[in-house]
C-alpha atoms as a PDB file:
ATOM      1  CA  MET A   1       0.000   0.000   0.000  1.00  0.00           C
ATOM      2  CA  SER A   2       1.459   3.387  -0.941  1.00  0.00           C
ATOM      3  CA  LYS A   3       2.163   6.058   1.626  1.00  0.00           C
ATOM      4  CA  LYS A   4      -0.054   8.498  -0.237  1.00  0.00           C
ATOM      5  CA  GLU A   5      -3.159   6.553   0.745  1.00  0.00           C
ATOM      6  CA  TYR A   6      -2.511   7.265   4.423  1.00  0.00           C
ATOM      7  CA  TYR A   7      -2.637  11.026   3.726  1.00  0.00           C
ATOM      8  CA  GLY A   8       0.281  11.787   6.008  1.00  0.00           C
ATOM      9  CA  TRP A   9      -0.823   9.834   9.083  1.00  0.00           C
ATOM     10  CA  ASP A  10       1.914   7.211   8.610  1.00  0.00           C
ATOM     11  CA  GLN A  11       4.529   9.989   8.727  1.00  0.00           C
ATOM     12  CA  TYR A  12       3.039  12.699  10.928  1.00  0.00           C
ATOM     13  CA  LYS A  13       0.712  10.895  13.329  1.00  0.00           C
ATOM     14  CA  GLU A  14       2.002  12.613  16.484  1.00  0.00           C
ATOM     15  CA  GLU A  15       2.045  16.012  14.788  1.00  0.00           C
ATOM     16  CA  GLY A  16      -1.456  15.448  13.399  1.00  0.00           C
ATOM     17  CA  LEU A  17      -2.892  14.492  16.787  1.00  0.00           C
ATOM     18  CA  ALA A  18      -1.196  17.488  18.398  1.00  0.00           C
ATOM     19  CA  GLU A  19      -2.721  19.741  15.728  1.00  0.00           C
ATOM     20  CA  LEU A  20      -6.208  18.294  16.285  1.00  0.00           C
ATOM     21  CA  LYS A  21      -5.884  18.952  20.024  1.00  0.00           C
ATOM     22  CA  LYS A  22      -4.663  22.468  19.303  1.00  0.00           C
ATOM     23  CA  ILE A  23      -7.663  23.071  17.026  1.00  0.00           C
ATOM     24  CA  LYS A  24     -10.001  21.804  19.743  1.00  0.00           C
ATOM     25  CA  LYS A  25      -8.617  24.333  22.246  1.00  0.00           C
ATOM     26  CA  SER A  26      -8.572  27.263  19.811  1.00  0.00           C
ATOM     27  CA  LYS A  27     -10.750  30.345  20.307  1.00  0.00           C
ATOM     28  CA  ILE A  28     -12.686  29.537  17.146  1.00  0.00           C
ATOM     29  CA  PHE A  29     -13.844  26.102  18.351  1.00  0.00           C
ATOM     30  CA  ILE A  30     -13.789  26.313  22.150  1.00  0.00           C
ATOM     31  CA  GLY A  31     -17.272  26.205  23.676  1.00  0.00           C
ATOM     32  CA  LYS A  32     -18.933  24.899  20.504  1.00  0.00           C
ATOM     33  CA  ASP A  33     -20.169  21.466  21.572  1.00  0.00           C
ATOM     34  CA  LYS A  34     -20.921  20.044  18.136  1.00  0.00           C
ATOM     35  CA  PHE A  35     -17.374  20.756  16.954  1.00  0.00           C
ATOM     36  CA  GLN A  36     -15.816  19.601  20.227  1.00  0.00           C
ATOM     37  CA  GLN A  37     -17.611  16.255  19.878  1.00  0.00           C
ATOM     38  CA  LEU A  38     -16.533  15.973  16.249  1.00  0.00           C
ATOM     39  CA  LEU A  39     -12.894  16.687  17.124  1.00  0.00           C
ATOM     40  CA  ASP A  40     -13.015  14.172  19.989  1.00  0.00           C
ATOM     41  CA  ARG A  41     -14.215  11.566  17.515  1.00  0.00           C
ATOM     42  CA  TYR A  42     -11.359  12.348  15.124  1.00  0.00           C
ATOM     43  CA  ILE A  43      -8.764  12.336  17.904  1.00  0.00           C
ATOM     44  CA  GLU A  44     -10.060   8.965  19.081  1.00  0.00           C
ATOM     45  CA  THR A  45      -9.992   7.606  15.525  1.00  0.00           C
ATOM     46  CA  TYR A  46      -6.491   8.709  14.606  1.00  0.00           C
ATOM     47  CA  SER A  47      -5.063   7.754  18.007  1.00  0.00           C
ATOM     48  CA  ARG A  48      -5.753   4.118  17.174  1.00  0.00           C
ATOM     49  CA  ASP A  49      -3.655   2.081  14.757  1.00  0.00           C
ATOM     50  CA  ASN A  50      -6.618   1.186  12.571  1.00  0.00           C
ATOM     51  CA  ASN A  51      -7.058   0.987   8.827  1.00  0.00           C
ATOM     52  CA  LEU A  52      -6.654   4.600   7.772  1.00  0.00           C
ATOM     53  CA  THR A  53      -7.714   3.860   4.199  1.00  0.00           C
ATOM     54  CA  LYS A  54     -11.280   3.025   5.234  1.00  0.00           C
ATOM     55  CA  LYS A  55     -13.855   5.712   4.512  1.00  0.00           C
ATOM     56  CA  ILE A  56     -15.241   7.801   7.360  1.00  0.00           C
ATOM     57  CA  THR A  57     -18.948   8.343   6.794  1.00  0.00           C
ATOM     58  CA  GLY A  58     -21.817   9.981   8.664  1.00  0.00           C
ATOM     59  CA  THR A  59     -22.821   6.713  10.334  1.00  0.00           C
ATOM     60  CA  TYR A  60     -19.290   6.362  11.705  1.00  0.00           C
ATOM     61  CA  LEU A  61     -19.146   9.916  13.061  1.00  0.00           C
ATOM     62  CA  TYR A  62     -22.671   9.828  14.485  1.00  0.00           C
ATOM     63  CA  PRO A  63     -23.520   6.214  15.382  1.00  0.00           C
ATOM     64  CA  GLU A  64     -26.164   7.354  17.881  1.00  0.00           C
ATOM     65  CA  GLU A  65     -28.116   9.027  15.075  1.00  0.00           C
ATOM     66  CA  PHE A  66     -27.794   5.852  13.036  1.00  0.00           C
ATOM     67  CA  ARG A  67     -29.015   3.652  15.897  1.00  0.00           C
ATOM     68  CA  THR A  68     -31.896   5.788  17.137  1.00  0.00           C
ATOM     69  CA  LYS A  69     -33.078   7.278  13.850  1.00  0.00           C
ATOM     70  CA  SER A  70     -31.628   6.219  10.499  1.00  0.00           C
ATOM     71  CA  ALA A  71     -28.540   6.253   8.326  1.00  0.00           C
ATOM     72  CA  LYS A  72     -29.957   9.267   6.482  1.00  0.00           C
ATOM     73  CA  HIS A  73     -30.143  11.268   9.717  1.00  0.00           C
ATOM     74  CA  ALA A  74     -26.518  10.400  10.484  1.00  0.00           C
ATOM     75  CA  HIS A  75     -25.345  11.345   6.991  1.00  0.00           C
ATOM     76  CA  ASP A  76     -27.335  14.592   6.990  1.00  0.00           C
ATOM     77  CA  LYS A  77     -26.018  15.636  10.400  1.00  0.00           C
ATOM     78  CA  ALA A  78     -22.433  14.888   9.353  1.00  0.00           C
ATOM     79  CA  TYR A  79     -22.890  16.892   6.169  1.00  0.00           C
ATOM     80  CA  ARG A  80     -24.216  19.947   8.044  1.00  0.00           C
ATOM     81  CA  VAL A  81     -21.629  19.902  10.829  1.00  0.00           C
ATOM     82  CA  ILE A  82     -18.669  19.191   8.516  1.00  0.00           C
ATOM     83  CA  ARG A  83     -19.743  21.974   6.151  1.00  0.00           C
ATOM     84  CA  GLU A  84     -19.636  24.505   9.017  1.00  0.00           C
ATOM     85  CA  PHE A  85     -16.464  22.955  10.397  1.00  0.00           C
ATOM     86  CA  LYS A  86     -14.633  23.382   7.084  1.00  0.00           C
ATOM     87  CA  VAL A  87     -15.425  27.110   6.996  1.00  0.00           C
ATOM     88  CA  LEU A  88     -14.143  27.637  10.533  1.00  0.00           C
ATOM     89  CA  LEU A  89     -11.121  25.428   9.885  1.00  0.00           C
ATOM     90  CA  GLY A  90     -10.215  27.690   6.979  1.00  0.00           C
ATOM     91  CA  ALA A  91     -10.533  30.725   9.279  1.00  0.00           C
ATOM     92  CA  TYR A  92      -8.404  28.940  11.885  1.00  0.00           C
ATOM     93  CA  TYR A  93      -5.509  28.535   9.452  1.00  0.00           C
ATOM     94  CA  GLU A  94      -5.970  31.873   7.720  1.00  0.00           C
ATOM     95  CA  LYS A  95      -6.473  34.182  10.712  1.00  0.00           C
ATOM     96  CA  GLY A  96      -6.570  32.107  13.894  1.00  0.00           C
ATOM     97  CA  GLU A  97      -4.059  30.224  16.018  1.00  0.00           C
ATOM     98  CA  GLY A  98      -3.286  27.916  13.103  1.00  0.00           C
ATOM     99  CA  LYS A  99      -1.788  30.724  11.049  1.00  0.00           C
ATOM    100  CA  ASN A 100       1.715  29.821  12.249  1.00  0.00           C
ATOM    101  CA  SER A 101       1.199  26.060  12.558  1.00  0.00           C
ATOM    102  CA  ALA A 102       3.903  23.867  11.075  1.00  0.00           C
ATOM    103  CA  PHE A 103       1.321  21.207  10.131  1.00  0.00           C
ATOM    104  CA  GLU A 104      -2.155  21.425   8.659  1.00  0.00           C
ATOM    105  CA  ILE A 105      -5.244  19.236   9.008  1.00  0.00           C
ATOM    106  CA  TYR A 106      -7.358  18.989   5.861  1.00  0.00           C
ATOM    107  CA  PHE A 107     -10.205  16.936   4.384  1.00  0.00           C
ATOM    108  CA  ILE A 108      -9.087  14.521   1.694  1.00  0.00           C
ATOM    109  CA  SER A 109     -12.348  14.719  -0.253  1.00  0.00           C
ATOM    110  CA  GLN A 110     -15.174  17.120  -1.059  1.00  0.00           C
ATOM    111  CA  GLU A 111     -17.573  14.192  -1.150  1.00  0.00           C
ATOM    112  CA  ARG A 112     -19.078  12.325   1.792  1.00  0.00           C
ATOM    113  CA  ASP A 113     -15.814  10.710   2.802  1.00  0.00           C
ATOM    114  CA  TYR A 114     -14.768  12.625   5.873  1.00  0.00           C
ATOM    115  CA  ARG A 115     -11.253  11.295   6.358  1.00  0.00           C
ATOM    116  CA  LEU A 116      -8.653  13.827   7.388  1.00  0.00           C
ATOM    117  CA  GLY A 117      -5.138  14.278   6.121  1.00  0.00           C
ATOM    118  CA  VAL A 118      -2.134  15.869   7.787  1.00  0.00           C
ATOM    119  CA  ARG A 119       0.662  17.638   5.938  1.00  0.00           C
ATOM    120  CA  GLU A 120       3.308  20.266   6.390  1.00  0.00           C
ATOM    121  CA  LYS A 121       1.538  23.579   6.043  1.00  0.00           C
ATOM    122  CA  ASP A 122       3.714  24.868   3.200  1.00  0.00           C
ATOM    123  CA  GLN A 123       3.639  21.565   1.299  1.00  0.00           C
ATOM    124  CA  MET A 124       0.875  22.622  -1.096  1.00  0.00           C
ATOM    125  CA  THR A 125       2.674  25.894  -1.894  1.00  0.00           C
ATOM    126  CA  GLU A 126       5.900  24.033  -2.653  1.00  0.00           C
ATOM    127  CA  ASP A 127       4.067  21.574  -4.900  1.00  0.00           C
ATOM    128  CA  VAL A 128       2.574  24.435  -6.917  1.00  0.00           C
ATOM    129  CA  ILE A 129       5.940  26.179  -7.273  1.00  0.00           C
ATOM    130  CA  THR A 130       7.798  23.060  -8.395  1.00  0.00           C
ATOM    131  CA  THR A 131       5.107  21.951 -10.843  1.00  0.00           C
ATOM    132  CA  LYS A 132       5.800  23.063 -14.403  1.00  0.00           C
ATOM    133  CA  ILE A 133       2.673  24.693 -15.867  1.00  0.00           C
ATOM    134  CA  PRO A 134       2.538  26.449 -19.266  1.00  0.00           C
ATOM    135  CA  SER A 135       2.498  30.239 -18.921  1.00  0.00           C
ATOM    136  CA  GLN A 136      -0.885  30.458 -20.690  1.00  0.00           C
ATOM    137  CA  SER A 137      -2.429  28.093 -18.121  1.00  0.00           C
ATOM    138  CA  ILE A 138      -1.006  30.184 -15.289  1.00  0.00           C
ATOM    139  CA  ASN A 139      -2.488  33.351 -16.796  1.00  0.00           C
ATOM    140  CA  LEU A 140      -5.900  31.760 -17.253  1.00  0.00           C
ATOM    141  CA  TYR A 141      -5.746  30.374 -13.726  1.00  0.00           C
ATOM    142  CA  ASN A 142      -4.860  33.801 -12.295  1.00  0.00           C
ATOM    143  CA  ILE A 143      -7.657  35.458 -14.274  1.00  0.00           C
ATOM    144  CA  ASN A 144     -10.193  32.927 -12.986  1.00  0.00           C
ATOM    145  CA  ILE A 145      -8.986  33.413  -9.413  1.00  0.00           C
ATOM    146  CA  PHE A 146      -9.164  37.206  -9.847  1.00  0.00           C
ATOM    147  CA  PHE A 147     -12.792  37.186 -11.023  1.00  0.00           C
ATOM    148  CA  SER A 148     -13.710  34.583  -8.423  1.00  0.00           C
ATOM    149  CA  LYS A 149     -12.359  36.832  -5.659  1.00  0.00           C
ATOM    150  CA  ILE A 150     -14.269  39.822  -7.042  1.00  0.00           C
ATOM    151  CA  GLY A 151     -17.479  37.758  -7.050  1.00  0.00           C
ATOM    152  CA  ASP A 152     -16.850  36.639  -3.472  1.00  0.00           C
ATOM    153  CA  LYS A 153     -16.253  40.253  -2.381  1.00  0.00           C
ATOM    154  CA  ILE A 154     -19.507  41.418  -3.999  1.00  0.00           C
ATOM    155  CA  ILE A 155     -21.508  38.598  -2.417  1.00  0.00           C
ATOM    156  CA  ASN A 156     -19.858  39.287   0.940  1.00  0.00           C
ATOM    157  CA  PHE A 157     -20.640  43.004   0.624  1.00  0.00           C
ATOM    158  CA  LEU A 158     -24.304  42.366  -0.162  1.00  0.00           C
ATOM    159  CA  GLY A 159     -24.519  39.867   2.694  1.00  0.00           C
ATOM    160  CA  ILE A 160     -23.101  42.351   5.216  1.00  0.00           C
ATOM    161  CA  TYR A 161     -25.328  45.108   3.814  1.00  0.00           C
ATOM    162  CA  TYR A 162     -28.442  42.984   4.328  1.00  0.00           C
ATOM    163  CA  GLU A 163     -27.364  41.830   7.789  1.00  0.00           C
ATOM    164  CA  SER A 164     -26.545  45.349   8.971  1.00  0.00           C
ATOM    165  CA  LEU A 165     -30.097  46.478   8.145  1.00  0.00           C
ATOM    166  CA  PHE A 166     -32.261  43.445   8.879  1.00  0.00           C
ATOM    167  CA  ALA A 167     -30.215  40.872  10.828  1.00  0.00           C
ATOM    168  CA  PRO A 168     -27.640  42.525  13.110  1.00  0.00           C
ATOM    169  CA  TYR A 169     -27.302  39.298  15.135  1.00  0.00           C
ATOM    170  CA  LYS A 170     -25.907  37.593  12.018  1.00  0.00           C
ATOM    171  CA  LEU A 171     -23.443  40.440  11.619  1.00  0.00           C
ATOM    172  CA  ALA A 172     -22.316  39.831  15.192  1.00  0.00           C
ATOM    173  CA  THR A 173     -21.914  36.113  14.471  1.00  0.00           C
ATOM    174  CA  ARG A 174     -19.853  36.920  11.384  1.00  0.00           C
ATOM    175  CA  ALA A 175     -17.532  39.046  13.510  1.00  0.00           C
ATOM    176  CA  SER A 176     -17.256  36.497  16.338  1.00  0.00           C
ATOM    177  CA  ILE A 177     -14.798  34.349  14.390  1.00  0.00           C
ATOM    178  CA  ASN A 178     -12.059  36.903  15.027  1.00  0.00           C
ATOM    179  CA  GLU A 179     -13.681  38.264  18.201  1.00  0.00           C
ATOM    180  CA  LYS A 180     -13.760  41.741  16.661  1.00  0.00           C
ATOM    181  CA  PHE A 181     -15.623  43.567  13.909  1.00  0.00           C
ATOM    182  CA  ARG A 182     -13.874  43.667  10.586  1.00  0.00           C
ATOM    183  CA  LEU A 183     -13.437  47.042   8.909  1.00  0.00           C
ATOM    184  CA  ASP A 184     -15.781  46.129   6.044  1.00  0.00           C
ATOM    185  CA  SER A 185     -18.542  45.266   8.529  1.00  0.00           C
ATOM    186  CA  ILE A 186     -18.189  48.626  10.266  1.00  0.00           C
ATOM    187  CA  LEU A 187     -18.105  50.628   7.020  1.00  0.00           C
ATOM    188  CA  VAL A 188     -21.151  48.891   5.560  1.00  0.00           C
ATOM    189  CA  PHE A 189     -23.067  49.263   8.817  1.00  0.00           C
ATOM    190  CA  LEU A 190     -22.314  53.000   8.919  1.00  0.00           C
ATOM    191  CA  PHE A 191     -23.180  53.387   5.236  1.00  0.00           C
ATOM    192  CA  SER A 192     -26.455  51.512   5.731  1.00  0.00           C
ATOM    193  CA  THR A 193     -27.355  53.681   8.722  1.00  0.00           C
ATOM    194  CA  PHE A 194     -26.593  56.840   6.738  1.00  0.00           C
ATOM    195  CA  LEU A 195     -28.658  55.584   3.801  1.00  0.00           C
ATOM    196  CA  ALA A 196     -31.606  54.721   6.039  1.00  0.00           C
ATOM    197  CA  LEU A 197     -31.519  58.176   7.643  1.00  0.00           C
ATOM    198  CA  LEU A 198     -31.261  59.845   4.227  1.00  0.00           C
ATOM    199  CA  LEU A 199     -34.270  57.911   2.912  1.00  0.00           C
ATOM    200  CA  ALA A 200     -36.255  58.743   6.053  1.00  0.00           C
ATOM    201  CA  TYR A 201     -35.406  62.440   5.649  1.00  0.00           C
ATOM    202  CA  GLN A 202     -36.423  62.445   1.968  1.00  0.00           C
ATOM    203  CA  TYR A 203     -39.678  60.678   2.817  1.00  0.00           C
ATOM    204  CA  ARG A 204     -40.384  63.299   5.487  1.00  0.00           C
ATOM    205  CA  GLU A 205     -39.730  66.162   3.043  1.00  0.00           C
ATOM    206  CA  ILE A 206     -41.977  64.609   0.385  1.00  0.00           C
ATOM    207  CA  SER A 207     -44.713  64.022   2.952  1.00  0.00           C
ATOM    208  CA  ILE A 208     -44.550  67.640   4.160  1.00  0.00           C
ATOM    209  CA  PHE A 209     -44.667  68.913   0.580  1.00  0.00           C
ATOM    210  CA  TYR A 210     -47.599  66.640  -0.287  1.00  0.00           C
ATOM    211  CA  LEU A 211     -49.566  67.701   2.789  1.00  0.00           C
ATOM    212  CA  GLY A 212     -48.834  71.374   2.030  1.00  0.00           C
ATOM    213  CA  VAL A 213     -50.082  71.074  -1.570  1.00  0.00           C
ATOM    214  CA  LYS A 214     -53.171  69.187  -0.426  1.00  0.00           C
ATOM    215  CA  LYS A 215     -53.920  71.885   2.154  1.00  0.00           C
ATOM    216  CA  ILE A 216     -53.663  74.612  -0.489  1.00  0.00           C
ATOM    217  CA  LEU A 217     -55.944  72.764  -2.876  1.00  0.00           C
ATOM    218  CA  VAL A 218     -58.530  72.221  -0.191  1.00  0.00           C
END
């Protein structure tokens, strides 16, 4: 069996377990029971010398859901929790305590195989640098990434704009990842407040004008 199929656990088991425990104690995940339970399950799994090539599915992560309800419930719960976990894991490595980690925990698949891999954090960067790609492909790749980032920024802007007006609690949740408000959140909130006041003022002026005209006509 090739080493690649173990996704780093044959080489970096101790480092991987240490990283999982570090993630569990991080500010992003501490106090969030559903993620604490998930991390405990992973730590238990990778602490054992079991077959690391076997798929990890929803029924494995949530056997109680499988026993008391159904396999579908277990798979659906795993899908929901893992989807949220991946977002926060990205924030952990991008802006949290994992920013300076020597090793990185990652999911080996986008599908419903929830095995984890462990690798040196700069391994992916080195692989990209050493891989020979035609210059045209690099340009196309960069262009796609550029437009993708612009799209993400626009969607993020609209999301913050909506939340600042109609769902401030969601705006607070968005900011809780870093335990502080991001500059874009503050600017959009202030802009939205200004816009709301401006619209209210214009409505008041129109109403006064309308009532004045109506009074004259009467």
